[in-house]
Amino acid sequence: MTHTKREKGSTTKSKKWILRHVIVLIIATIIGYLFLISRAEWSAMHRYNRAIGDVSLILVAAAMVIGPLTRLIRKKWLRALLPYRRELGIWAVVAASIHLLIILIGWVELDLWRLFGFEFHPGLQRYVMILHGFALANAVGIIALLYGLALALTSNDFSQRRLGPSVWKFVQQGSYILWWLVILHTAYFLYVHFLDFHRETPEPNWAQWPFAGLVMAVMLVQMAATIKTWRQKQTRERTPTHGIRNTN
């Protein structure tokens, strides 16, 4: 009987896990399509590159904000979203990997020197650095992806059991570092990369203001949740605890 109940529990958990993945994938696909059609005037490579990169950013932001929101708003439906953080993180890493592949194949044409800001100089017959910011931003992006892969590969019950609760929690807290690496990488390409006096500056990307708003929103929610948690802790510490008096 106990074995049967355990099997049923495991089956139910697997179904919920698959359902969460399907839901996140559908949402990510819809968001990606909307980003894609919003830049119809761009070349195909840049449209797909930017759209999939933006999907990764949105998924990471969602994963970062769910936890703090549950501390601010005590609603059952919101707490039900907590398990989705794993799937959001996993698909964010998948999207970031596709984003990198598009850049490697479509932008730098599998020339890793170009990925880090170098271009071949015919006169010198060697590669020279010409895009310092491009190199730094891509290095940050690759570090973020590697960080994300480590988090995604350990976002499962098996890793939690093998690493132990304290170590697993420490590893997963690296998501805050991942979030800021993603912000730095995205901000460079939104605000800096195309500001070059050697070539015509294109029209500003419409995502500049929404990106700034998204980052500010996540920061404000995290700060508000931290302040609320701190105040609750202070209140508990100040509240006297009355034990059983010794009547002897």
C-alpha atoms as a PDB file:
ATOM      1  CA  MET A   1       0.000   0.000   0.000  1.00  0.00           C
ATOM      2  CA  THR A   2       2.796   2.413   0.965  1.00  0.00           C
ATOM      3  CA  HIS A   3       4.697   1.560  -2.226  1.00  0.00           C
ATOM      4  CA  THR A   4       1.597   2.239  -4.337  1.00  0.00           C
ATOM      5  CA  LYS A   5       1.013   5.603  -2.667  1.00  0.00           C
ATOM      6  CA  ARG A   6       4.650   6.535  -3.270  1.00  0.00           C
ATOM      7  CA  GLU A   7       4.360   5.636  -6.967  1.00  0.00           C
ATOM      8  CA  LYS A   8       1.174   7.677  -7.316  1.00  0.00           C
ATOM      9  CA  GLY A   9       2.846  10.640  -5.609  1.00  0.00           C
ATOM     10  CA  SER A  10       5.859  10.360  -7.908  1.00  0.00           C
ATOM     11  CA  THR A  11       3.621  10.166 -11.009  1.00  0.00           C
ATOM     12  CA  THR A  12       1.626  13.219  -9.929  1.00  0.00           C
ATOM     13  CA  LYS A  13       4.825  15.167  -9.287  1.00  0.00           C
ATOM     14  CA  SER A  14       6.183  14.235 -12.724  1.00  0.00           C
ATOM     15  CA  LYS A  15       2.969  15.348 -14.411  1.00  0.00           C
ATOM     16  CA  LYS A  16       3.105  18.714 -12.637  1.00  0.00           C
ATOM     17  CA  TRP A  17       6.772  19.089 -13.621  1.00  0.00           C
ATOM     18  CA  ILE A  18       5.988  18.403 -17.289  1.00  0.00           C
ATOM     19  CA  LEU A  19       2.985  20.751 -17.189  1.00  0.00           C
ATOM     20  CA  ARG A  20       5.100  23.575 -15.795  1.00  0.00           C
ATOM     21  CA  HIS A  21       7.657  23.096 -18.564  1.00  0.00           C
ATOM     22  CA  VAL A  22       4.932  23.147 -21.226  1.00  0.00           C
ATOM     23  CA  ILE A  23       3.341  26.293 -19.775  1.00  0.00           C
ATOM     24  CA  VAL A  24       6.668  28.156 -19.569  1.00  0.00           C
ATOM     25  CA  LEU A  25       7.611  27.057 -23.108  1.00  0.00           C
ATOM     26  CA  ILE A  26       4.288  28.287 -24.509  1.00  0.00           C
ATOM     27  CA  ILE A  27       4.615  31.643 -22.743  1.00  0.00           C
ATOM     28  CA  ALA A  28       8.231  32.000 -23.913  1.00  0.00           C
ATOM     29  CA  THR A  29       7.209  31.216 -27.507  1.00  0.00           C
ATOM     30  CA  ILE A  30       4.447  33.842 -27.453  1.00  0.00           C
ATOM     31  CA  ILE A  31       6.777  36.474 -25.985  1.00  0.00           C
ATOM     32  CA  GLY A  32       9.454  35.607 -28.556  1.00  0.00           C
ATOM     33  CA  TYR A  33       6.979  35.936 -31.421  1.00  0.00           C
ATOM     34  CA  LEU A  34       5.836  39.362 -30.178  1.00  0.00           C
ATOM     35  CA  PHE A  35       9.445  40.537 -29.961  1.00  0.00           C
ATOM     36  CA  LEU A  36      10.077  39.154 -33.435  1.00  0.00           C
ATOM     37  CA  ILE A  37       7.223  41.006 -35.161  1.00  0.00           C
ATOM     38  CA  SER A  38       8.039  44.217 -33.254  1.00  0.00           C
ATOM     39  CA  ARG A  39      11.276  44.566 -35.232  1.00  0.00           C
ATOM     40  CA  ALA A  40      10.093  43.659 -38.718  1.00  0.00           C
ATOM     41  CA  GLU A  41      12.447  46.204 -40.328  1.00  0.00           C
ATOM     42  CA  TRP A  42      15.584  44.502 -38.948  1.00  0.00           C
ATOM     43  CA  SER A  43      17.584  41.834 -40.748  1.00  0.00           C
ATOM     44  CA  ALA A  44      16.485  38.262 -39.966  1.00  0.00           C
ATOM     45  CA  MET A  45      19.624  37.464 -37.980  1.00  0.00           C
ATOM     46  CA  HIS A  46      19.302  40.465 -35.687  1.00  0.00           C
ATOM     47  CA  ARG A  47      15.540  39.995 -35.296  1.00  0.00           C
ATOM     48  CA  TYR A  48      15.897  36.395 -34.069  1.00  0.00           C
ATOM     49  CA  ASN A  49      19.062  37.135 -32.119  1.00  0.00           C
ATOM     50  CA  ARG A  50      17.485  40.023 -30.214  1.00  0.00           C
ATOM     51  CA  ALA A  51      14.054  38.383 -29.769  1.00  0.00           C
ATOM     52  CA  ILE A  52      15.433  35.188 -28.238  1.00  0.00           C
ATOM     53  CA  GLY A  53      17.869  37.147 -26.083  1.00  0.00           C
ATOM     54  CA  ASP A  54      14.975  39.268 -24.815  1.00  0.00           C
ATOM     55  CA  VAL A  55      12.956  36.134 -24.020  1.00  0.00           C
ATOM     56  CA  SER A  56      15.839  34.891 -21.868  1.00  0.00           C
ATOM     57  CA  LEU A  57      15.932  38.237 -20.055  1.00  0.00           C
ATOM     58  CA  ILE A  58      12.177  38.183 -19.356  1.00  0.00           C
ATOM     59  CA  LEU A  59      12.301  34.624 -18.023  1.00  0.00           C
ATOM     60  CA  VAL A  60      15.218  35.422 -15.707  1.00  0.00           C
ATOM     61  CA  ALA A  61      13.409  38.544 -14.461  1.00  0.00           C
ATOM     62  CA  ALA A  62      10.263  36.518 -13.763  1.00  0.00           C
ATOM     63  CA  ALA A  63      12.261  33.900 -11.857  1.00  0.00           C
ATOM     64  CA  MET A  64      13.940  36.644  -9.803  1.00  0.00           C
ATOM     65  CA  VAL A  65      10.743  38.447  -8.850  1.00  0.00           C
ATOM     66  CA  ILE A  66       8.418  35.578  -7.865  1.00  0.00           C
ATOM     67  CA  GLY A  67      10.096  34.874  -4.508  1.00  0.00           C
ATOM     68  CA  PRO A  68      10.138  38.504  -3.293  1.00  0.00           C
ATOM     69  CA  LEU A  69       6.527  38.975  -4.439  1.00  0.00           C
ATOM     70  CA  THR A  70       5.350  36.085  -2.264  1.00  0.00           C
ATOM     71  CA  ARG A  71       6.916  37.810   0.746  1.00  0.00           C
ATOM     72  CA  LEU A  72       5.129  41.058  -0.078  1.00  0.00           C
ATOM     73  CA  ILE A  73       1.753  39.624  -1.083  1.00  0.00           C
ATOM     74  CA  ARG A  74       0.466  36.712   0.967  1.00  0.00           C
ATOM     75  CA  LYS A  75      -1.759  35.131  -1.658  1.00  0.00           C
ATOM     76  CA  LYS A  76      -2.177  31.405  -2.235  1.00  0.00           C
ATOM     77  CA  TRP A  77      -2.261  31.746  -6.027  1.00  0.00           C
ATOM     78  CA  LEU A  78       1.026  33.651  -5.950  1.00  0.00           C
ATOM     79  CA  ARG A  79       2.737  31.052  -3.761  1.00  0.00           C
ATOM     80  CA  ALA A  80       1.597  28.436  -6.275  1.00  0.00           C
ATOM     81  CA  LEU A  81       3.978  30.105  -8.774  1.00  0.00           C
ATOM     82  CA  LEU A  82       7.087  29.412  -6.659  1.00  0.00           C
ATOM     83  CA  PRO A  83       7.828  26.003  -8.274  1.00  0.00           C
ATOM     84  CA  TYR A  84       7.862  27.696 -11.692  1.00  0.00           C
ATOM     85  CA  ARG A  85      11.166  29.394 -10.850  1.00  0.00           C
ATOM     86  CA  ARG A  86      13.048  26.251 -11.836  1.00  0.00           C
ATOM     87  CA  GLU A  87      11.395  25.969 -15.247  1.00  0.00           C
ATOM     88  CA  LEU A  88      11.752  29.710 -15.877  1.00  0.00           C
ATOM     89  CA  GLY A  89      15.476  29.478 -15.155  1.00  0.00           C
ATOM     90  CA  ILE A  90      15.974  26.369 -17.279  1.00  0.00           C
ATOM     91  CA  TRP A  91      14.211  27.818 -20.337  1.00  0.00           C
ATOM     92  CA  ALA A  92      16.022  31.131 -19.850  1.00  0.00           C
ATOM     93  CA  VAL A  93      19.302  29.231 -20.211  1.00  0.00           C
ATOM     94  CA  VAL A  94      17.973  27.353 -23.269  1.00  0.00           C
ATOM     95  CA  ALA A  95      16.993  30.671 -24.882  1.00  0.00           C
ATOM     96  CA  ALA A  96      20.378  32.199 -24.019  1.00  0.00           C
ATOM     97  CA  SER A  97      22.138  29.202 -25.621  1.00  0.00           C
ATOM     98  CA  ILE A  98      20.129  29.646 -28.832  1.00  0.00           C
ATOM     99  CA  HIS A  99      20.893  33.382 -28.675  1.00  0.00           C
ATOM    100  CA  LEU A 100      24.631  32.577 -28.566  1.00  0.00           C
ATOM    101  CA  LEU A 101      24.375  30.091 -31.446  1.00  0.00           C
ATOM    102  CA  ILE A 102      22.668  32.690 -33.651  1.00  0.00           C
ATOM    103  CA  ILE A 103      25.456  35.169 -32.881  1.00  0.00           C
ATOM    104  CA  LEU A 104      28.169  32.587 -33.573  1.00  0.00           C
ATOM    105  CA  ILE A 105      26.666  31.476 -36.888  1.00  0.00           C
ATOM    106  CA  GLY A 106      24.938  34.597 -38.170  1.00  0.00           C
ATOM    107  CA  TRP A 107      26.947  37.509 -36.780  1.00  0.00           C
ATOM    108  CA  VAL A 108      30.598  36.442 -36.345  1.00  0.00           C
ATOM    109  CA  GLU A 109      30.327  33.479 -38.764  1.00  0.00           C
ATOM    110  CA  LEU A 110      31.997  30.995 -36.378  1.00  0.00           C
ATOM    111  CA  ASP A 111      35.049  33.250 -36.094  1.00  0.00           C
ATOM    112  CA  LEU A 112      35.713  33.302 -32.344  1.00  0.00           C
ATOM    113  CA  TRP A 113      38.172  36.181 -32.712  1.00  0.00           C
ATOM    114  CA  ARG A 114      35.323  38.363 -33.995  1.00  0.00           C
ATOM    115  CA  LEU A 115      33.162  37.325 -31.045  1.00  0.00           C
ATOM    116  CA  PHE A 116      35.680  39.111 -28.814  1.00  0.00           C
ATOM    117  CA  GLY A 117      35.987  42.306 -30.836  1.00  0.00           C
ATOM    118  CA  PHE A 118      38.804  41.380 -33.220  1.00  0.00           C
ATOM    119  CA  GLU A 119      38.753  41.845 -36.994  1.00  0.00           C
ATOM    120  CA  PHE A 120      41.282  40.620 -39.548  1.00  0.00           C
ATOM    121  CA  HIS A 121      43.480  43.453 -40.870  1.00  0.00           C
ATOM    122  CA  PRO A 122      44.563  42.701 -44.472  1.00  0.00           C
ATOM    123  CA  GLY A 123      47.496  45.112 -44.308  1.00  0.00           C
ATOM    124  CA  LEU A 124      48.887  43.666 -41.091  1.00  0.00           C
ATOM    125  CA  GLN A 125      47.820  40.114 -41.937  1.00  0.00           C
ATOM    126  CA  ARG A 126      46.615  39.530 -38.392  1.00  0.00           C
ATOM    127  CA  TYR A 127      43.634  40.141 -36.115  1.00  0.00           C
ATOM    128  CA  VAL A 128      43.413  43.495 -34.359  1.00  0.00           C
ATOM    129  CA  MET A 129      41.084  44.635 -31.583  1.00  0.00           C
ATOM    130  CA  ILE A 130      38.595  47.237 -32.815  1.00  0.00           C
ATOM    131  CA  LEU A 131      35.485  46.673 -30.684  1.00  0.00           C
ATOM    132  CA  HIS A 132      36.548  46.754 -27.049  1.00  0.00           C
ATOM    133  CA  GLY A 133      33.020  47.116 -25.672  1.00  0.00           C
ATOM    134  CA  PHE A 134      31.735  44.311 -27.884  1.00  0.00           C
ATOM    135  CA  ALA A 135      34.443  42.014 -26.519  1.00  0.00           C
ATOM    136  CA  LEU A 136      33.701  42.843 -22.891  1.00  0.00           C
ATOM    137  CA  ALA A 137      29.927  42.554 -23.306  1.00  0.00           C
ATOM    138  CA  ASN A 138      30.209  39.159 -24.995  1.00  0.00           C
ATOM    139  CA  ALA A 139      32.624  37.936 -22.323  1.00  0.00           C
ATOM    140  CA  VAL A 140      30.100  38.970 -19.673  1.00  0.00           C
ATOM    141  CA  GLY A 141      27.347  37.225 -21.648  1.00  0.00           C
ATOM    142  CA  ILE A 142      29.327  33.976 -21.889  1.00  0.00           C
ATOM    143  CA  ILE A 143      30.107  34.062 -18.153  1.00  0.00           C
ATOM    144  CA  ALA A 144      26.393  34.602 -17.498  1.00  0.00           C
ATOM    145  CA  LEU A 145      25.532  31.631 -19.709  1.00  0.00           C
ATOM    146  CA  LEU A 146      28.030  29.362 -17.932  1.00  0.00           C
ATOM    147  CA  TYR A 147      26.647  30.533 -14.604  1.00  0.00           C
ATOM    148  CA  GLY A 148      23.137  29.851 -15.866  1.00  0.00           C
ATOM    149  CA  LEU A 149      24.085  26.367 -17.035  1.00  0.00           C
ATOM    150  CA  ALA A 150      25.443  25.549 -13.568  1.00  0.00           C
ATOM    151  CA  LEU A 151      22.197  26.763 -11.996  1.00  0.00           C
ATOM    152  CA  ALA A 152      20.007  24.936 -14.529  1.00  0.00           C
ATOM    153  CA  LEU A 153      21.868  21.645 -14.143  1.00  0.00           C
ATOM    154  CA  THR A 154      21.398  21.769 -10.362  1.00  0.00           C
ATOM    155  CA  SER A 155      17.760  22.910 -10.471  1.00  0.00           C
ATOM    156  CA  ASN A 156      16.367  19.481  -9.658  1.00  0.00           C
ATOM    157  CA  ASP A 157      15.559  17.302  -6.668  1.00  0.00           C
ATOM    158  CA  PHE A 158      18.453  14.924  -7.375  1.00  0.00           C
ATOM    159  CA  SER A 159      21.020  17.735  -7.109  1.00  0.00           C
ATOM    160  CA  GLN A 160      19.322  19.039  -3.989  1.00  0.00           C
ATOM    161  CA  ARG A 161      19.647  15.638  -2.327  1.00  0.00           C
ATOM    162  CA  ARG A 162      23.251  15.092  -3.477  1.00  0.00           C
ATOM    163  CA  LEU A 163      24.508  18.549  -2.532  1.00  0.00           C
ATOM    164  CA  GLY A 164      22.498  18.890   0.654  1.00  0.00           C
ATOM    165  CA  PRO A 165      20.100  21.748   1.481  1.00  0.00           C
ATOM    166  CA  SER A 166      22.722  24.296   2.583  1.00  0.00           C
ATOM    167  CA  VAL A 167      25.126  23.796  -0.354  1.00  0.00           C
ATOM    168  CA  TRP A 168      22.292  23.595  -2.882  1.00  0.00           C
ATOM    169  CA  LYS A 169      20.784  26.838  -1.558  1.00  0.00           C
ATOM    170  CA  PHE A 170      24.194  28.533  -1.727  1.00  0.00           C
ATOM    171  CA  VAL A 171      24.604  27.480  -5.380  1.00  0.00           C
ATOM    172  CA  GLN A 172      21.113  28.650  -6.318  1.00  0.00           C
ATOM    173  CA  GLN A 173      21.678  32.027  -4.684  1.00  0.00           C
ATOM    174  CA  GLY A 174      24.098  32.617  -7.539  1.00  0.00           C
ATOM    175  CA  SER A 175      21.007  33.588  -9.527  1.00  0.00           C
ATOM    176  CA  TYR A 176      21.502  37.145  -8.219  1.00  0.00           C
ATOM    177  CA  ILE A 177      24.947  37.253  -9.814  1.00  0.00           C
ATOM    178  CA  LEU A 178      23.453  35.820 -13.014  1.00  0.00           C
ATOM    179  CA  TRP A 179      20.765  38.527 -13.015  1.00  0.00           C
ATOM    180  CA  TRP A 180      23.307  41.362 -12.847  1.00  0.00           C
ATOM    181  CA  LEU A 181      25.534  39.794 -15.504  1.00  0.00           C
ATOM    182  CA  VAL A 182      22.498  39.581 -17.810  1.00  0.00           C
ATOM    183  CA  ILE A 183      21.667  43.241 -17.082  1.00  0.00           C
ATOM    184  CA  LEU A 184      25.212  44.384 -17.940  1.00  0.00           C
ATOM    185  CA  HIS A 185      25.296  42.327 -21.141  1.00  0.00           C
ATOM    186  CA  THR A 186      21.882  43.562 -22.320  1.00  0.00           C
ATOM    187  CA  ALA A 187      22.488  47.189 -21.360  1.00  0.00           C
ATOM    188  CA  TYR A 188      25.622  47.393 -23.490  1.00  0.00           C
ATOM    189  CA  PHE A 189      23.832  46.318 -26.671  1.00  0.00           C
ATOM    190  CA  LEU A 190      20.785  48.479 -25.948  1.00  0.00           C
ATOM    191  CA  TYR A 191      22.572  51.713 -25.088  1.00  0.00           C
ATOM    192  CA  VAL A 192      26.232  51.610 -26.122  1.00  0.00           C
ATOM    193  CA  HIS A 193      27.233  49.296 -28.974  1.00  0.00           C
ATOM    194  CA  PHE A 194      25.743  51.256 -31.870  1.00  0.00           C
ATOM    195  CA  LEU A 195      27.037  54.668 -30.669  1.00  0.00           C
ATOM    196  CA  ASP A 196      29.986  54.748 -33.029  1.00  0.00           C
ATOM    197  CA  PHE A 197      31.082  57.840 -34.954  1.00  0.00           C
ATOM    198  CA  HIS A 198      32.639  55.609 -37.648  1.00  0.00           C
ATOM    199  CA  ARG A 199      29.233  54.478 -38.891  1.00  0.00           C
ATOM    200  CA  GLU A 200      25.682  55.733 -39.084  1.00  0.00           C
ATOM    201  CA  THR A 201      23.903  55.440 -35.749  1.00  0.00           C
ATOM    202  CA  PRO A 202      20.622  53.499 -36.136  1.00  0.00           C
ATOM    203  CA  GLU A 203      17.329  54.508 -34.562  1.00  0.00           C
ATOM    204  CA  PRO A 204      17.209  53.760 -30.811  1.00  0.00           C
ATOM    205  CA  ASN A 205      15.922  50.295 -29.935  1.00  0.00           C
ATOM    206  CA  TRP A 206      12.343  50.642 -28.637  1.00  0.00           C
ATOM    207  CA  ALA A 207      13.229  48.229 -25.804  1.00  0.00           C
ATOM    208  CA  GLN A 208      15.506  50.752 -24.074  1.00  0.00           C
ATOM    209  CA  TRP A 209      12.838  52.254 -21.810  1.00  0.00           C
ATOM    210  CA  PRO A 210      10.973  48.976 -21.131  1.00  0.00           C
ATOM    211  CA  PHE A 211      14.291  47.375 -20.182  1.00  0.00           C
ATOM    212  CA  ALA A 212      15.082  50.181 -17.739  1.00  0.00           C
ATOM    213  CA  GLY A 213      11.556  49.899 -16.302  1.00  0.00           C
ATOM    214  CA  LEU A 214      11.871  46.111 -15.931  1.00  0.00           C
ATOM    215  CA  VAL A 215      15.192  46.357 -14.092  1.00  0.00           C
ATOM    216  CA  MET A 216      13.842  49.073 -11.785  1.00  0.00           C
ATOM    217  CA  ALA A 217      10.672  47.078 -11.087  1.00  0.00           C
ATOM    218  CA  VAL A 218      12.616  43.949 -10.123  1.00  0.00           C
ATOM    219  CA  MET A 219      14.962  45.997  -7.924  1.00  0.00           C
ATOM    220  CA  LEU A 220      12.083  47.767  -6.164  1.00  0.00           C
ATOM    221  CA  VAL A 221      10.230  44.513  -5.480  1.00  0.00           C
ATOM    222  CA  GLN A 222      13.391  42.889  -4.115  1.00  0.00           C
ATOM    223  CA  MET A 223      14.161  45.911  -1.932  1.00  0.00           C
ATOM    224  CA  ALA A 224      10.596  46.104  -0.622  1.00  0.00           C
ATOM    225  CA  ALA A 225      10.605  42.385   0.218  1.00  0.00           C
ATOM    226  CA  THR A 226      13.969  42.717   1.998  1.00  0.00           C
ATOM    227  CA  ILE A 227      12.747  45.676   4.056  1.00  0.00           C
ATOM    228  CA  LYS A 228       9.523  43.870   4.973  1.00  0.00           C
ATOM    229  CA  THR A 229      11.425  40.731   6.018  1.00  0.00           C
ATOM    230  CA  TRP A 230      13.850  42.826   8.105  1.00  0.00           C
ATOM    231  CA  ARG A 231      11.004  44.670   9.839  1.00  0.00           C
ATOM    232  CA  GLN A 232       9.230  41.417  10.640  1.00  0.00           C
ATOM    233  CA  LYS A 233      12.430  40.034  12.134  1.00  0.00           C
ATOM    234  CA  GLN A 234      12.916  43.180  14.214  1.00  0.00           C
ATOM    235  CA  THR A 235       9.335  42.941  15.474  1.00  0.00           C
ATOM    236  CA  ARG A 236       9.775  39.314  16.501  1.00  0.00           C
ATOM    237  CA  GLU A 237      12.995  40.111  18.353  1.00  0.00           C
ATOM    238  CA  ARG A 238      11.364  42.968  20.249  1.00  0.00           C
ATOM    239  CA  THR A 239       8.297  40.951  21.212  1.00  0.00           C
ATOM    240  CA  PRO A 240       8.888  39.464  24.696  1.00  0.00           C
ATOM    241  CA  THR A 241       8.357  35.746  25.087  1.00  0.00           C
ATOM    242  CA  HIS A 242       6.606  34.678  28.290  1.00  0.00           C
ATOM    243  CA  GLY A 243       7.691  31.323  29.580  1.00  0.00           C
ATOM    244  CA  ILE A 244       6.105  29.301  32.365  1.00  0.00           C
ATOM    245  CA  ARG A 245       6.824  30.937  35.707  1.00  0.00           C
ATOM    246  CA  ASN A 246       8.539  28.928  38.370  1.00  0.00           C
ATOM    247  CA  THR A 247       6.133  28.855  41.333  1.00  0.00           C
ATOM    248  CA  ASN A 248       8.544  27.079  43.688  1.00  0.00           C
END
